[in-house]
């Protein structure tokens, strides 16, 4: 008996309806996860042999032909901006590539993904027959309070539940999470569901925008393995480990251009460093040549001015040279000289512009600075057999936690999302008279901070940033010129300083908080997920800063490369059960 794909697909639709009906029964009966899973498995795998074969046999999957996406002379700018986001950009990519997309915050990565989807008007052309789909999906407030099984077809038309469950199994999750309220799921579980929905379709090219933000290491590893087995996507990410594991091409937004290169992020980065070193050596030579050209231009101008004075009959060196015939000769000579001066100046200007143009695409990363205060005590924070529990909870957030922070320590808090890392940070801040906890909480064990400690804090939440940079500096008593100078070192455009911070990208908002921390002299720097949304170049800048100054720190960061470089000690969190 032959396998009829079209008939099977028709049956899948019926089976999806059955699944939704089963879901309603599950929700109404409040079935256990085990019962839920049995119903789903029975529905999927025992109802029809042909459906089961289609689910499990990869040879039956449709192999999509690779198509090319050609971008020609693309130019785009936002209304009200003086500078173009893209200017006469041209390159080509293939839809079977695993493409990593990197660049500075605010340089246009998400904008480019929106241009591919046809959301903005632009000049130039984007030629492709590919179908695009964007991650993350927009989840409404109403959907947040519903289970994913109830709204996945709303966010992706034609989404088939059995395919979503298939993708979830590859993400090491059971179908049970589809039937729980979406707002009750962890960040990792939400991301996995939305990725499963994304890859359940037949779109030619997927646009994935920073899927690992706010995910713990375990969830990141799962997403990394999952995407590593896929192809046909653009992945916007600042996670270097994720990029290395998942991509085979790199699309890079430079300062003045876009380049496409085959290979991983690390291979591109090594090539970039070698190229930058060569460019820096060439630049030194170019600067010397430019200096000589400018000096020549200045001498030529002075020469012309001197002869202009001589033309009217005054020469401080040759005072006797005042005859009419001499003046006529000098006048004619001066006209030729002035014409020659203009030609020389034009040539010098062209050469200077040409040589300075060689410097435009070099990614410069300025060295950042901070000022650390010296405390009279060596031991700044001491935590021993410590635990926290909300009064309305049955189990503690964590318990029996012990560590200390002495001068020069950089302590990394590491653990799964929800294990209490941020809660501990806020409790320590509370001990130092920065009471940020709204809920009543019960303590066990011992947690003490030395008196008189000054803390510089970076919150993972950027929602409180409103108004312009000027307003922020006035509110927090920062020197505005110095504040903007540091932001410039983090590659902020000057035009951003006049915008409302609500309109900043997530990475730009985080840079505002980091700049605020750097300008706050402190004994202890407490940073809660500082690198979320921060671009690769700025991450490396911050790494260099911390290694140079070696401040005393307590931080949470899921970027494993950053944590391994910066942390002197790691405190492992295990959520109490």
Protein backbone atom coordinates (compact mmCIF):
# COMPACT_ATOMS: atom_id res chain seq x y z
CA UNK A 1 0.00 0.00 0.00
CA UNK A 2 1.46 3.34 -1.08
CA UNK A 3 1.82 6.30 1.21
CA UNK A 4 -0.57 9.12 0.28
CA UNK A 5 0.93 12.37 1.59
CA UNK A 6 -2.06 14.54 0.71
CA UNK A 7 -4.48 12.14 2.37
CA UNK A 8 -2.26 12.00 5.42
CA UNK A 9 -2.09 15.77 5.64
CA UNK A 10 -5.88 15.89 5.55
CA UNK A 11 -5.95 13.43 8.41
CA UNK A 12 -3.45 15.57 10.34
CA UNK A 13 -5.96 18.42 10.35
CA UNK A 14 -8.60 16.15 11.77
CA UNK A 15 -6.12 14.88 14.31
CA UNK A 16 -5.26 18.47 15.32
CA UNK A 17 -8.94 19.10 15.99
CA UNK A 18 -8.97 15.99 18.14
CA UNK A 19 -5.91 17.27 19.98
CA UNK A 20 -7.58 20.57 20.75
CA UNK A 21 -10.63 18.74 22.00
CA UNK A 22 -8.44 16.55 24.18
CA UNK A 23 -6.70 19.66 25.47
CA UNK A 24 -10.01 21.12 26.59
CA UNK A 25 -10.81 17.90 28.45
CA UNK A 26 -7.40 17.97 30.08
CA UNK A 27 -7.82 21.56 31.20
CA UNK A 28 -11.36 20.96 32.45
CA UNK A 29 -10.34 17.89 34.44
CA UNK A 30 -7.05 19.45 35.66
CA UNK A 31 -5.29 16.24 34.72
CA UNK A 32 -1.84 15.44 36.02
CA UNK A 33 1.15 15.95 33.73
CA UNK A 34 1.49 12.19 33.41
CA UNK A 35 -2.14 11.81 32.32
CA UNK A 36 -1.77 14.72 29.96
CA UNK A 37 1.24 13.15 28.31
CA UNK A 38 -0.54 9.78 27.92
CA UNK A 39 -3.49 11.42 26.18
CA UNK A 40 -1.20 13.31 23.82
CA UNK A 41 0.91 10.29 23.00
CA UNK A 42 -2.18 8.19 22.38
CA UNK A 43 -3.62 10.87 20.14
CA UNK A 44 -0.46 11.33 18.16
CA UNK A 45 0.97 7.89 17.84
CA UNK A 46 -1.84 5.35 18.10
CA UNK A 47 -4.52 6.93 15.97
CA UNK A 48 -3.03 6.35 12.56
CA UNK A 49 -0.03 4.42 11.24
CA UNK A 50 0.52 6.75 8.34
CA UNK A 51 0.59 9.81 10.62
CA UNK A 52 3.05 8.06 12.90
CA UNK A 53 5.31 7.29 9.93
CA UNK A 54 5.19 10.89 8.74
CA UNK A 55 6.10 12.04 12.25
CA UNK A 56 9.06 9.74 12.68
CA UNK A 57 10.48 9.17 9.17
CA UNK A 58 12.77 12.03 8.12
CA UNK A 59 12.84 10.75 4.51
CA UNK A 60 9.25 11.82 4.13
CA UNK A 61 10.06 15.43 4.93
CA UNK A 62 9.97 17.85 2.02
CA UNK A 63 13.45 19.02 1.02
CA UNK A 64 13.32 22.73 0.24
CA UNK A 65 15.44 24.05 -2.59
CA UNK A 66 17.90 26.78 -1.77
CA UNK A 67 17.06 30.24 -3.09
CA UNK A 68 19.11 33.40 -3.16
CA UNK A 69 18.27 36.66 -1.43
CA UNK A 70 19.90 39.57 -3.28
CA UNK A 71 20.19 43.01 -1.72
CA UNK A 72 21.16 45.74 -4.20
CA UNK A 73 21.94 49.39 -3.33
CA UNK A 74 19.76 49.24 -0.22
CA UNK A 75 19.34 52.64 1.42
CA UNK A 76 17.12 53.27 4.43
CA UNK A 77 16.69 55.90 7.12
CA UNK A 78 14.12 56.67 9.79
CA UNK A 79 12.15 59.88 9.54
CA UNK A 80 13.77 62.53 11.69
CA UNK A 81 17.24 60.93 11.54
CA UNK A 82 20.08 62.73 9.81
CA UNK A 83 22.10 59.60 9.06
CA UNK A 84 21.15 56.62 6.93
CA UNK A 85 20.87 53.26 8.65
CA UNK A 86 21.95 51.62 5.37
CA UNK A 87 23.46 53.40 2.40
CA UNK A 88 23.91 51.72 -1.00
CA UNK A 89 24.39 48.29 0.60
CA UNK A 90 24.69 45.26 -1.70
CA UNK A 91 25.25 41.58 -0.88
CA UNK A 92 23.67 38.14 -1.39
CA UNK A 93 22.78 35.27 0.95
CA UNK A 94 21.28 31.80 0.47
CA UNK A 95 18.22 30.43 2.25
CA UNK A 96 19.97 27.18 3.21
CA UNK A 97 22.63 29.04 5.19
CA UNK A 98 22.86 29.17 8.97
CA UNK A 99 23.63 32.86 9.10
CA UNK A 100 24.81 34.70 12.20
CA UNK A 101 24.08 38.44 12.20
CA UNK A 102 26.32 40.61 14.39
CA UNK A 103 26.94 44.32 14.84
CA UNK A 104 26.84 47.17 17.33
CA UNK A 105 23.62 48.00 19.20
CA UNK A 106 21.39 50.37 17.28
CA UNK A 107 23.16 49.78 13.94
CA UNK A 108 20.16 48.21 12.21
CA UNK A 109 20.09 44.43 12.77
CA UNK A 110 16.41 44.26 13.73
CA UNK A 111 15.68 46.98 11.16
CA UNK A 112 17.15 44.79 8.42
CA UNK A 113 14.97 41.87 9.50
CA UNK A 114 11.95 44.18 9.28
CA UNK A 115 13.03 45.30 5.80
CA UNK A 116 13.14 41.66 4.68
CA UNK A 117 9.55 41.32 5.89
CA UNK A 118 8.49 44.40 3.91
CA UNK A 119 7.56 46.47 6.97
CA UNK A 120 9.33 49.67 5.82
CA UNK A 121 9.74 51.59 2.60
CA UNK A 122 13.30 51.76 1.26
CA UNK A 123 15.29 52.59 -1.86
CA UNK A 124 17.20 49.95 -3.76
CA UNK A 125 15.96 46.39 -4.03
CA UNK A 126 15.57 43.17 -2.04
CA UNK A 127 15.03 40.36 -4.54
CA UNK A 128 13.80 37.04 -3.19
CA UNK A 129 10.95 34.58 -3.52
CA UNK A 130 11.56 33.27 -0.01
CA UNK A 131 8.92 33.33 2.71
CA UNK A 132 10.08 34.89 5.96
CA UNK A 133 8.93 34.42 9.53
CA UNK A 134 10.13 36.34 12.58
CA UNK A 135 11.01 35.22 16.12
CA UNK A 136 9.99 36.13 18.79
CA UNK A 137 6.28 36.19 18.17
CA UNK A 138 4.29 38.98 19.76
CA UNK A 139 2.26 37.53 22.64
CA UNK A 140 -0.71 39.62 23.77
CA UNK A 141 -1.71 40.17 27.39
CA UNK A 142 -4.75 37.97 26.81
CA UNK A 143 -2.63 35.15 25.40
CA UNK A 144 -0.26 35.34 28.37
CA UNK A 145 -3.07 34.12 30.60
CA UNK A 146 -4.02 31.27 28.27
CA UNK A 147 -2.26 28.00 27.45
CA UNK A 148 -0.13 27.87 24.30
CA UNK A 149 -2.31 25.13 22.81
CA UNK A 150 -5.14 27.67 22.73
CA UNK A 151 -3.34 30.39 20.75
CA UNK A 152 -0.51 28.89 18.68
CA UNK A 153 -2.73 28.88 15.59
CA UNK A 154 -3.40 32.59 16.21
CA UNK A 155 0.30 33.48 16.08
CA UNK A 156 1.07 31.09 13.22
CA UNK A 157 -1.69 30.43 10.71
CA UNK A 158 -2.00 26.76 9.82
CA UNK A 159 0.18 25.62 12.72
CA UNK A 160 -0.24 21.90 13.34
CA UNK A 161 -0.02 20.75 16.94
CA UNK A 162 1.65 17.44 16.18
CA UNK A 163 4.52 19.26 14.45
CA UNK A 164 4.93 21.57 17.43
CA UNK A 165 5.12 18.54 19.73
CA UNK A 166 7.70 16.98 17.39
CA UNK A 167 9.87 20.11 17.68
CA UNK A 168 9.38 20.26 21.46
CA UNK A 169 10.74 16.72 21.75
CA UNK A 170 13.91 17.93 19.99
CA UNK A 171 14.05 20.73 22.56
CA UNK A 172 13.89 18.15 25.39
CA UNK A 173 10.41 19.19 26.46
CA UNK A 174 7.18 17.25 26.73
CA UNK A 175 3.90 18.38 25.28
CA UNK A 176 2.61 19.01 28.79
CA UNK A 177 3.95 22.60 28.77
CA UNK A 178 1.54 23.45 25.93
CA UNK A 179 -1.39 23.04 28.33
CA UNK A 180 -0.14 25.22 31.16
CA UNK A 181 -0.85 28.98 31.38
CA UNK A 182 1.82 30.74 29.33
CA UNK A 183 2.60 33.27 32.08
CA UNK A 184 3.28 30.38 34.49
CA UNK A 185 6.11 29.07 32.32
CA UNK A 186 9.78 29.93 32.75
CA UNK A 187 11.59 32.06 30.18
CA UNK A 188 13.23 28.92 28.81
CA UNK A 189 9.93 27.08 28.43
CA UNK A 190 8.33 30.04 26.65
CA UNK A 191 11.26 30.31 24.27
CA UNK A 192 11.12 26.58 23.50
CA UNK A 193 7.40 26.71 22.69
CA UNK A 194 7.82 29.69 20.37
CA UNK A 195 10.83 28.10 18.64
CA UNK A 196 8.85 24.88 18.21
CA UNK A 197 6.02 26.87 16.61
CA UNK A 198 8.52 28.70 14.39
CA UNK A 199 10.16 25.53 13.05
CA UNK A 200 6.88 23.64 12.69
CA UNK A 201 6.08 25.47 9.43
CA UNK A 202 7.38 25.31 5.90
CA UNK A 203 8.81 28.80 5.64
CA UNK A 204 11.93 29.15 3.53
CA UNK A 205 13.91 31.44 5.79
CA UNK A 206 13.49 32.16 9.48
CA UNK A 207 14.51 35.41 11.18
CA UNK A 208 15.52 34.68 14.78
CA UNK A 209 16.20 37.71 16.98
CA UNK A 210 18.18 37.07 20.20
CA UNK A 211 16.51 33.83 21.39
CA UNK A 212 18.71 33.31 24.49
CA UNK A 213 18.17 36.59 26.34
CA UNK A 214 17.12 35.97 29.96
CA UNK A 215 17.75 32.21 29.61
CA UNK A 216 19.85 30.27 32.10
CA UNK A 217 22.77 28.16 30.97
CA UNK A 218 20.81 24.90 30.79
CA UNK A 219 18.16 26.46 28.54
CA UNK A 220 20.86 28.11 26.42
CA UNK A 221 22.59 24.79 25.89
CA UNK A 222 19.30 23.23 24.80
CA UNK A 223 18.54 26.05 22.34
CA UNK A 224 22.12 25.89 21.07
CA UNK A 225 21.88 22.16 20.32
CA UNK A 226 18.48 22.62 18.71
CA UNK A 227 19.48 25.44 16.36
CA UNK A 228 22.74 23.66 15.58
CA UNK A 229 20.70 20.87 13.96
CA UNK A 230 18.63 23.29 11.86
CA UNK A 231 19.38 25.41 8.80
CA UNK A 232 17.79 28.16 6.78
CA UNK A 233 17.83 31.10 9.18
CA UNK A 234 19.35 34.42 10.19
CA UNK A 235 20.30 34.38 13.86
CA UNK A 236 20.77 37.74 15.57
CA UNK A 237 22.71 37.07 18.75
CA UNK A 238 25.51 38.44 20.91
CA UNK A 239 26.14 35.07 22.54
CA UNK A 240 29.49 33.94 21.16
CA UNK A 241 29.06 30.29 22.18
CA UNK A 242 25.64 30.14 20.52
CA UNK A 243 26.96 31.66 17.30
CA UNK A 244 29.91 29.29 17.13
CA UNK A 245 27.66 26.25 17.62
CA UNK A 246 24.88 27.22 15.22
CA UNK A 247 26.14 29.12 12.18
CA UNK A 248 28.13 28.49 9.02
CA UNK A 249 28.15 32.10 7.71
CA UNK A 250 28.53 35.50 9.35
CA UNK A 251 26.74 38.69 8.29
CA UNK A 252 28.50 41.67 9.87
CA UNK A 253 27.33 45.25 10.19
CA UNK A 254 30.54 47.27 10.08
CA UNK A 255 30.74 51.03 10.65
CA UNK A 256 30.30 51.86 6.97
CA UNK A 257 29.55 48.57 5.22
CA UNK A 258 28.09 45.07 5.44
CA UNK A 259 30.20 41.99 4.82
CA UNK A 260 29.35 38.31 4.42
CA UNK A 261 31.89 35.65 5.34
CA UNK A 262 31.71 31.87 5.60
CA UNK A 263 32.63 30.18 8.87
CA UNK A 264 31.86 30.55 12.56
CA UNK A 265 31.90 33.67 14.70
CA UNK A 266 35.33 32.81 16.15
CA UNK A 267 36.89 32.32 12.71
CA UNK A 268 35.46 35.67 11.59
CA UNK A 269 36.70 37.34 14.79
CA UNK A 270 40.24 36.00 14.32
CA UNK A 271 40.26 37.26 10.73
CA UNK A 272 38.94 40.61 11.93
CA UNK A 273 41.69 40.98 14.53
CA UNK A 274 44.37 40.24 11.94
CA UNK A 275 42.77 42.66 9.51
CA UNK A 276 42.48 45.35 12.20
CA UNK A 277 46.13 44.95 13.17
CA UNK A 278 47.15 45.39 9.54
CA UNK A 279 44.79 48.38 9.18
CA UNK A 280 46.19 50.01 12.31
CA UNK A 281 49.75 49.68 10.95
CA UNK A 282 48.62 51.08 7.61
CA UNK A 283 46.73 53.84 9.36
CA UNK A 284 49.86 55.02 11.14
CA UNK A 285 51.55 55.36 7.76
CA UNK A 286 48.49 57.07 6.27
CA UNK A 287 48.32 59.56 9.14
CA UNK A 288 51.96 60.53 8.53
CA UNK A 289 51.24 60.99 4.83
CA UNK A 290 48.12 63.02 5.58
CA UNK A 291 50.15 65.19 7.95
CA UNK A 292 52.73 65.85 5.24
CA UNK A 293 50.02 66.71 2.71
CA UNK A 294 48.38 69.14 5.11
CA UNK A 295 51.74 70.78 5.81
CA UNK A 296 52.34 71.11 2.06
CA UNK A 297 48.93 72.71 1.65
CA UNK A 298 49.69 75.17 4.43
CA UNK A 299 53.08 76.12 2.90
CA UNK A 300 51.48 76.63 -0.52
CA UNK A 301 48.84 78.90 0.98
CA UNK A 302 51.46 80.96 2.85
CA UNK A 303 53.49 81.30 -0.36
CA UNK A 304 50.46 82.64 -2.23
CA UNK A 305 49.67 85.12 0.54
CA UNK A 306 53.22 86.44 0.54
CA UNK A 307 53.19 87.02 -3.20
CA UNK A 308 49.81 88.70 -2.96
CA UNK A 309 51.41 91.27 -0.66
CA UNK A 310 54.28 91.73 -3.07
CA UNK A 311 51.85 92.41 -5.95
CA UNK A 312 50.62 95.63 -4.31
CA UNK A 313 54.15 96.91 -3.96
CA UNK A 314 55.20 95.97 -0.47
CA UNK A 315 57.87 93.45 0.25
CA UNK A 316 59.47 93.70 3.70
CA UNK A 317 62.54 91.93 2.35
CA UNK A 318 62.89 93.87 -0.89
CA UNK A 319 61.75 97.37 -0.05
CA UNK A 320 63.38 98.80 -3.21
CA UNK A 321 61.21 96.59 -5.40
CA UNK A 322 58.44 99.13 -5.98
CA UNK A 323 58.59 99.87 -9.73
CA UNK A 324 55.44 99.69 -11.84
CA UNK A 325 56.92 97.19 -14.29
CA UNK A 326 57.82 94.90 -11.41
CA UNK A 327 54.34 95.13 -10.05
CA UNK A 328 52.81 94.09 -13.39
CA UNK A 329 55.13 91.11 -13.56
CA UNK A 330 54.26 90.09 -10.01
CA UNK A 331 50.53 90.49 -10.72
CA UNK A 332 50.65 88.06 -13.64
CA UNK A 333 52.82 85.68 -11.66
CA UNK A 334 50.40 85.80 -8.73
CA UNK A 335 47.40 84.89 -10.90
CA UNK A 336 49.19 81.79 -12.16
CA UNK A 337 50.26 80.97 -8.63
CA UNK A 338 46.74 81.29 -7.25
CA UNK A 339 45.41 79.00 -9.96
CA UNK A 340 48.14 76.50 -9.17
CA UNK A 341 47.40 76.77 -5.44
CA UNK A 342 43.74 75.89 -6.02
CA UNK A 343 44.70 72.85 -8.10
CA UNK A 344 47.19 71.70 -5.47
CA UNK A 345 44.66 72.17 -2.67
CA UNK A 346 42.04 70.15 -4.58
CA UNK A 347 44.53 67.34 -5.19
CA UNK A 348 45.62 67.35 -1.55
CA UNK A 349 41.98 67.34 -0.44
CA UNK A 350 41.25 64.31 -2.64
CA UNK A 351 44.28 62.45 -1.34
CA UNK A 352 43.42 63.23 2.28
CA UNK A 353 39.82 62.12 1.76
CA UNK A 354 40.99 58.92 0.06
CA UNK A 355 43.43 58.04 2.81
CA UNK A 356 41.02 58.94 5.62
CA UNK A 357 38.41 56.77 3.89
CA UNK A 358 40.65 53.77 4.53
CA UNK A 359 40.05 54.30 8.26
CA UNK A 360 36.26 54.46 8.17
CA UNK A 361 35.46 50.76 8.55
CA UNK A 362 37.91 50.04 11.34
CA UNK A 363 35.93 49.11 14.47
CA UNK A 364 37.51 51.13 17.26
CA UNK A 365 36.85 50.14 20.87
CA UNK A 366 37.91 52.76 23.37
CA UNK A 367 39.18 51.70 26.78
CA UNK A 368 36.58 52.26 29.50
CA UNK A 369 37.36 53.42 33.04
CA UNK A 370 35.87 53.15 36.52
CA UNK A 371 36.74 54.50 39.95
CA UNK A 372 36.72 52.01 42.80
CA UNK A 373 36.62 53.21 46.40
CA UNK A 374 38.74 51.61 49.10
CA UNK A 375 36.86 50.29 52.14
CA UNK A 376 38.53 50.02 55.54
CA UNK A 377 37.46 46.36 55.85
CA UNK A 378 38.64 43.51 53.69
CA UNK A 379 35.44 41.43 54.11
CA UNK A 380 32.54 43.31 52.52
CA UNK A 381 29.73 40.72 52.44
CA UNK A 382 29.39 37.50 54.42
CA UNK A 383 26.67 34.90 53.71
CA UNK A 384 26.49 31.72 55.81
CA UNK A 385 23.87 28.94 55.77
CA UNK A 386 21.51 31.53 54.33
CA UNK A 387 18.01 30.91 53.03
CA UNK A 388 15.00 32.92 51.85
CA UNK A 389 11.32 32.02 51.74
CA UNK A 390 8.29 34.09 50.84
CA UNK A 391 5.70 33.97 53.60
CA UNK A 392 2.97 32.70 51.30
CA UNK A 393 5.18 29.97 49.77
CA UNK A 394 5.48 26.36 50.92
CA UNK A 395 9.14 25.94 50.02
CA UNK A 396 12.10 28.31 50.33
CA UNK A 397 13.54 30.10 47.32
CA UNK A 398 16.91 28.70 48.36
CA UNK A 399 18.56 27.50 51.57
CA UNK A 400 21.95 26.82 53.19
CA UNK A 401 23.85 29.15 50.89
CA UNK A 402 27.34 30.19 52.01
CA UNK A 403 29.93 32.49 50.43
CA UNK A 404 31.77 35.74 51.11
CA UNK A 405 32.92 38.77 49.14
CA UNK A 406 36.33 40.24 49.99
CA UNK A 407 38.26 43.03 48.28
CA UNK A 408 39.20 42.02 44.75
CA UNK A 409 36.70 39.15 44.54
CA UNK A 410 34.45 38.90 41.50
CA UNK A 411 31.73 36.48 42.54
CA UNK A 412 29.44 35.01 39.88
CA UNK A 413 26.03 33.69 40.95
CA UNK A 414 25.14 30.76 38.73
CA UNK A 415 21.99 28.68 38.52
CA UNK A 416 18.73 28.07 36.68
CA UNK A 417 16.17 30.81 36.19
CA UNK A 418 14.01 31.17 39.27
CA UNK A 419 16.57 29.77 41.71
CA UNK A 420 16.79 33.07 43.63
CA UNK A 421 19.88 34.85 42.29
CA UNK A 422 18.16 38.22 41.76
CA UNK A 423 16.27 37.83 45.02
CA UNK A 424 19.54 37.38 46.89
CA UNK A 425 21.02 40.46 45.19
CA UNK A 426 18.04 42.56 46.23
CA UNK A 427 18.28 41.26 49.78
CA UNK A 428 21.97 42.25 49.95
CA UNK A 429 21.04 45.69 48.61
CA UNK A 430 18.36 45.81 51.28
CA UNK A 431 21.02 45.19 53.91
CA UNK A 432 22.87 48.21 52.52
CA UNK A 433 19.74 50.38 52.80
CA UNK A 434 18.56 49.91 49.23
CA UNK A 435 15.25 48.27 50.00
CA UNK A 436 13.93 47.02 46.67
CA UNK A 437 11.91 44.02 47.86
CA UNK A 438 8.19 44.56 47.86
CA UNK A 439 7.10 41.16 49.17
CA UNK A 440 7.47 39.97 52.72
CA UNK A 441 10.21 37.41 52.95
CA UNK A 442 11.56 35.18 55.70
CA UNK A 443 15.30 34.74 56.29
CA UNK A 444 17.26 31.87 57.76
CA UNK A 445 20.97 31.77 58.47
CA UNK A 446 23.24 34.77 58.26
CA UNK A 447 23.75 37.57 55.71
CA UNK A 448 25.70 40.71 56.63
CA UNK A 449 27.31 43.60 54.77
CA UNK A 450 30.06 45.81 56.16
CA UNK A 451 28.93 49.25 57.27
CA UNK A 452 29.40 52.20 54.98
CA UNK A 453 29.57 50.21 51.75
CA UNK A 454 28.83 52.16 48.57
CA UNK A 455 27.29 49.99 45.85
CA UNK A 456 27.07 50.57 42.12
CA UNK A 457 24.12 48.55 40.84
CA UNK A 458 23.04 47.49 37.34
CA UNK A 459 19.48 46.21 37.30
CA UNK A 460 18.44 43.69 34.64
CA UNK A 461 15.20 45.67 34.21
CA UNK A 462 15.46 48.74 31.93
CA UNK A 463 11.77 49.68 31.94
CA UNK A 464 12.36 52.63 34.30
CA UNK A 465 14.35 54.59 31.71
CA UNK A 466 12.28 57.54 30.50
CA UNK A 467 12.98 60.98 29.07
CA UNK A 468 16.24 62.10 27.48
CA UNK A 469 19.84 61.58 28.56
CA UNK A 470 19.91 65.15 29.87
CA UNK A 471 16.95 64.41 32.18
CA UNK A 472 18.60 61.21 33.41
CA UNK A 473 21.87 62.99 34.20
CA UNK A 474 20.09 65.77 36.09
CA UNK A 475 18.08 63.25 38.11
CA UNK A 476 21.17 61.24 39.12
CA UNK A 477 23.63 64.15 39.39
CA UNK A 478 25.91 62.97 36.58
CA UNK A 479 28.09 65.27 34.51
CA UNK A 480 26.24 65.16 31.19
CA UNK A 481 29.30 65.70 29.00
CA UNK A 482 31.19 62.89 30.76
CA UNK A 483 28.13 60.61 30.64
CA UNK A 484 27.73 61.17 26.90
CA UNK A 485 31.47 60.68 26.39
CA UNK A 486 31.29 57.17 27.86
CA UNK A 487 28.21 56.38 25.78
CA UNK A 488 30.16 57.50 22.71
CA UNK A 489 32.92 55.09 23.70
CA UNK A 490 30.22 52.38 23.71
CA UNK A 491 29.39 53.44 20.14
CA UNK A 492 26.36 55.61 20.78
CA UNK A 493 25.57 57.99 17.94
CA UNK A 494 25.33 61.66 18.94
CA UNK A 495 21.85 61.81 17.46
CA UNK A 496 20.66 59.38 20.16
CA UNK A 497 21.28 61.95 22.90
CA UNK A 498 18.30 64.01 21.75
CA UNK A 499 15.91 61.04 21.64
CA UNK A 500 13.71 59.73 24.42
CA UNK A 501 15.21 56.67 26.07
CA UNK A 502 11.90 54.84 25.60
CA UNK A 503 12.82 54.74 21.88
CA UNK A 504 16.29 53.27 22.48
CA UNK A 505 17.01 49.67 21.56
CA UNK A 506 17.22 47.21 24.46
CA UNK A 507 20.99 47.13 24.11
CA UNK A 508 21.24 50.92 24.19
CA UNK A 509 19.10 51.06 27.33
CA UNK A 510 21.39 48.56 29.03
CA UNK A 511 24.41 50.69 28.04
CA UNK A 512 22.82 53.66 29.83
CA UNK A 513 22.65 51.59 33.04
CA UNK A 514 26.23 50.35 32.65
CA UNK A 515 27.46 53.91 32.03
CA UNK A 516 25.63 55.03 35.16
CA UNK A 517 27.41 52.29 37.11
CA UNK A 518 30.84 53.20 35.73
CA UNK A 519 30.34 56.81 36.80
CA UNK A 520 29.38 55.79 40.35
CA UNK A 521 32.51 55.34 42.50
CA UNK A 522 31.85 52.31 44.68
CA UNK A 523 33.34 49.69 46.99
CA UNK A 524 31.20 46.95 45.44
CA UNK A 525 29.75 46.60 41.93
CA UNK A 526 26.59 44.49 41.74
CA UNK A 527 25.49 43.70 38.18
CA UNK A 528 22.38 41.61 37.46
CA UNK A 529 22.56 40.22 33.90
CA UNK A 530 24.38 43.27 32.52
CA UNK A 531 25.03 41.81 29.06
CA UNK A 532 21.47 41.09 27.96
CA UNK A 533 21.12 42.68 24.48
CA UNK A 534 24.67 44.11 24.63
CA UNK A 535 26.59 43.69 21.34
CA UNK A 536 29.71 41.55 21.03
CA UNK A 537 32.08 44.50 20.62
CA UNK A 538 30.83 46.17 23.79
CA UNK A 539 30.98 42.88 25.70
CA UNK A 540 34.64 42.59 24.87
CA UNK A 541 35.15 46.25 25.91
CA UNK A 542 33.52 45.54 29.27
CA UNK A 543 35.56 42.36 29.74
CA UNK A 544 38.75 44.33 29.14
CA UNK A 545 37.64 47.04 31.59
CA UNK A 546 36.96 44.56 34.39
CA UNK A 547 40.19 42.65 33.82
CA UNK A 548 42.20 45.89 33.82
CA UNK A 549 40.65 47.44 36.95
CA UNK A 550 39.67 44.23 38.79
CA UNK A 551 36.85 45.79 40.86
CA UNK A 552 35.13 43.93 43.66
CA UNK A 553 31.98 42.48 42.11
CA UNK A 554 28.91 40.34 42.61
CA UNK A 555 27.23 39.54 39.32
CA UNK A 556 24.80 37.31 37.47
CA UNK A 557 25.56 36.61 33.82
CA UNK A 558 24.59 33.66 31.62
CA UNK A 559 27.20 34.44 28.95
CA UNK A 560 29.58 31.59 29.78
CA UNK A 561 32.62 33.17 28.09
CA UNK A 562 32.17 36.38 30.07
CA UNK A 563 31.64 34.51 33.33
CA UNK A 564 34.70 32.29 32.86
CA UNK A 565 36.92 35.29 32.06
CA UNK A 566 35.71 37.62 34.81
CA UNK A 567 34.73 35.50 37.82
CA UNK A 568 37.29 34.68 40.48
CA UNK A 569 34.74 32.41 42.21
CA UNK A 570 31.37 30.95 41.17
CA UNK A 571 28.53 30.31 43.63
CA UNK A 572 26.29 27.51 42.41
CA UNK A 573 22.58 27.89 43.14
CA UNK A 574 20.28 24.94 43.51
CA UNK A 575 16.60 25.74 43.90
CA UNK A 576 15.10 24.20 47.03
CA UNK A 577 12.38 21.64 46.44
